[in-house]
Amino acid sequence: MPANCRAYEAAYEAGNTNEIQSLFYEPKPLEQFFDTGADPWQVDTLVEQPASKARVKSMSEEMDRWMLETRDVGLIPELD
């Protein structure tokens, strides 16, 4: 791990990062949806916005279909 990553992690653990910097270390929601043109740093998820609901549902269904088709095992926990 590069030194700057360790430094960021130490800053987060010490409470020295702002809300946006802290997002990297926080648990992630199951689904996220971003307008990468308007939000290139992917900070503000649109998954709960009413205007995004149909698109998120469609994309989630397509992801489920693709995971079954390709026998993706990404949701199966790995052993330590």
C-alpha atoms as a PDB file:
ATOM      1  CA  MET A   1       0.000   0.000   0.000  1.00  0.00           C
ATOM      2  CA  PRO A   2       1.532   3.356  -0.956  1.00  0.00           C
ATOM      3  CA  ALA A   3       2.543   5.639   1.895  1.00  0.00           C
ATOM      4  CA  ASN A   4      -0.038   8.259   0.979  1.00  0.00           C
ATOM      5  CA  CYS A   5      -2.840   5.661   1.350  1.00  0.00           C
ATOM      6  CA  ARG A   6      -1.595   4.753   4.810  1.00  0.00           C
ATOM      7  CA  ALA A   7      -1.441   8.451   5.687  1.00  0.00           C
ATOM      8  CA  TYR A   8      -5.046   8.984   4.543  1.00  0.00           C
ATOM      9  CA  GLU A   9      -6.196   5.974   6.541  1.00  0.00           C
ATOM     10  CA  ALA A  10      -4.389   7.243   9.646  1.00  0.00           C
ATOM     11  CA  ALA A  11      -5.990  10.665   9.172  1.00  0.00           C
ATOM     12  CA  TYR A  12      -9.422   9.035   8.884  1.00  0.00           C
ATOM     13  CA  GLU A  13      -8.881   6.922  11.990  1.00  0.00           C
ATOM     14  CA  ALA A  14      -7.762  10.038  13.896  1.00  0.00           C
ATOM     15  CA  GLY A  15     -10.913  11.879  12.810  1.00  0.00           C
ATOM     16  CA  ASN A  16      -8.981  14.328  10.643  1.00  0.00           C
ATOM     17  CA  THR A  17     -10.831  13.830   7.361  1.00  0.00           C
ATOM     18  CA  ASN A  18     -13.894  15.705   6.175  1.00  0.00           C
ATOM     19  CA  GLU A  19     -17.212  14.094   5.245  1.00  0.00           C
ATOM     20  CA  ILE A  20     -16.293  13.528   1.595  1.00  0.00           C
ATOM     21  CA  GLN A  21     -12.804  12.186   2.355  1.00  0.00           C
ATOM     22  CA  SER A  22     -14.306   9.835   4.934  1.00  0.00           C
ATOM     23  CA  LEU A  23     -16.666   8.232   2.383  1.00  0.00           C
ATOM     24  CA  PHE A  24     -13.834   6.034   1.085  1.00  0.00           C
ATOM     25  CA  TYR A  25     -13.506   4.341   4.488  1.00  0.00           C
ATOM     26  CA  GLU A  26     -17.205   4.092   5.353  1.00  0.00           C
ATOM     27  CA  PRO A  27     -19.370   1.043   4.579  1.00  0.00           C
ATOM     28  CA  LYS A  28     -20.860   1.296   1.096  1.00  0.00           C
ATOM     29  CA  PRO A  29     -24.558   0.835   0.332  1.00  0.00           C
ATOM     30  CA  LEU A  30     -25.552  -2.171  -1.755  1.00  0.00           C
ATOM     31  CA  GLU A  31     -26.425   0.048  -4.722  1.00  0.00           C
ATOM     32  CA  GLN A  32     -25.079   3.406  -5.832  1.00  0.00           C
ATOM     33  CA  PHE A  33     -25.978   5.445  -8.902  1.00  0.00           C
ATOM     34  CA  PHE A  34     -24.076   8.523 -10.045  1.00  0.00           C
ATOM     35  CA  ASP A  35     -24.263  11.154 -12.760  1.00  0.00           C
ATOM     36  CA  THR A  36     -20.555  11.003 -13.572  1.00  0.00           C
ATOM     37  CA  GLY A  37     -20.830  13.994 -15.894  1.00  0.00           C
ATOM     38  CA  ALA A  38     -22.129  16.262 -13.148  1.00  0.00           C
ATOM     39  CA  ASP A  39     -20.402  14.403 -10.281  1.00  0.00           C
ATOM     40  CA  PRO A  40     -17.087  13.010 -11.611  1.00  0.00           C
ATOM     41  CA  TRP A  41     -15.844  12.201  -8.096  1.00  0.00           C
ATOM     42  CA  GLN A  42     -18.970  10.080  -7.465  1.00  0.00           C
ATOM     43  CA  VAL A  43     -19.879  11.727  -4.183  1.00  0.00           C
ATOM     44  CA  ASP A  44     -23.667  12.167  -4.434  1.00  0.00           C
ATOM     45  CA  THR A  45     -25.526   8.940  -5.132  1.00  0.00           C
ATOM     46  CA  LEU A  46     -28.814   9.353  -6.959  1.00  0.00           C
ATOM     47  CA  VAL A  47     -30.126   5.892  -6.138  1.00  0.00           C
ATOM     48  CA  GLU A  48     -32.915   7.251  -3.900  1.00  0.00           C
ATOM     49  CA  GLN A  49     -33.957  10.079  -6.238  1.00  0.00           C
ATOM     50  CA  PRO A  50     -37.451   9.504  -7.668  1.00  0.00           C
ATOM     51  CA  ALA A  51     -36.216  10.382 -11.169  1.00  0.00           C
ATOM     52  CA  SER A  52     -33.604   7.600 -10.953  1.00  0.00           C
ATOM     53  CA  LYS A  53     -35.805   4.790  -9.605  1.00  0.00           C
ATOM     54  CA  ALA A  54     -36.777   3.243 -12.955  1.00  0.00           C
ATOM     55  CA  ARG A  55     -33.217   3.360 -14.313  1.00  0.00           C
ATOM     56  CA  VAL A  56     -31.749   1.886 -11.115  1.00  0.00           C
ATOM     57  CA  LYS A  57     -34.355  -0.917 -11.129  1.00  0.00           C
ATOM     58  CA  SER A  58     -33.655  -1.709 -14.791  1.00  0.00           C
ATOM     59  CA  MET A  59     -29.897  -1.745 -14.285  1.00  0.00           C
ATOM     60  CA  SER A  60     -30.205  -3.888 -11.139  1.00  0.00           C
ATOM     61  CA  GLU A  61     -32.338  -6.430 -12.992  1.00  0.00           C
ATOM     62  CA  GLU A  62     -29.833  -6.514 -15.850  1.00  0.00           C
ATOM     63  CA  MET A  63     -26.965  -7.032 -13.394  1.00  0.00           C
ATOM     64  CA  ASP A  64     -28.825  -9.934 -11.759  1.00  0.00           C
ATOM     65  CA  ARG A  65     -29.476 -11.483 -15.183  1.00  0.00           C
ATOM     66  CA  TRP A  66     -25.825 -11.090 -16.206  1.00  0.00           C
ATOM     67  CA  MET A  67     -24.553 -12.548 -12.911  1.00  0.00           C
ATOM     68  CA  LEU A  68     -26.687 -15.651 -13.407  1.00  0.00           C
ATOM     69  CA  GLU A  69     -25.717 -15.965 -17.068  1.00  0.00           C
ATOM     70  CA  THR A  70     -21.995 -15.750 -16.347  1.00  0.00           C
ATOM     71  CA  ARG A  71     -22.207 -17.688 -13.068  1.00  0.00           C
ATOM     72  CA  ASP A  72     -20.643 -14.752 -11.259  1.00  0.00           C
ATOM     73  CA  VAL A  73     -19.801 -15.732  -7.692  1.00  0.00           C
ATOM     74  CA  GLY A  74     -19.119 -12.199  -6.480  1.00  0.00           C
ATOM     75  CA  LEU A  75     -21.795 -12.338  -3.785  1.00  0.00           C
ATOM     76  CA  ILE A  76     -20.430 -15.525  -2.222  1.00  0.00           C
ATOM     77  CA  PRO A  77     -18.149 -14.604   0.694  1.00  0.00           C
ATOM     78  CA  GLU A  78     -14.535 -15.595   0.303  1.00  0.00           C
ATOM     79  CA  LEU A  79     -12.872 -17.730   2.936  1.00  0.00           C
ATOM     80  CA  ASP A  80     -10.175 -16.115   5.051  1.00  0.00           C
END
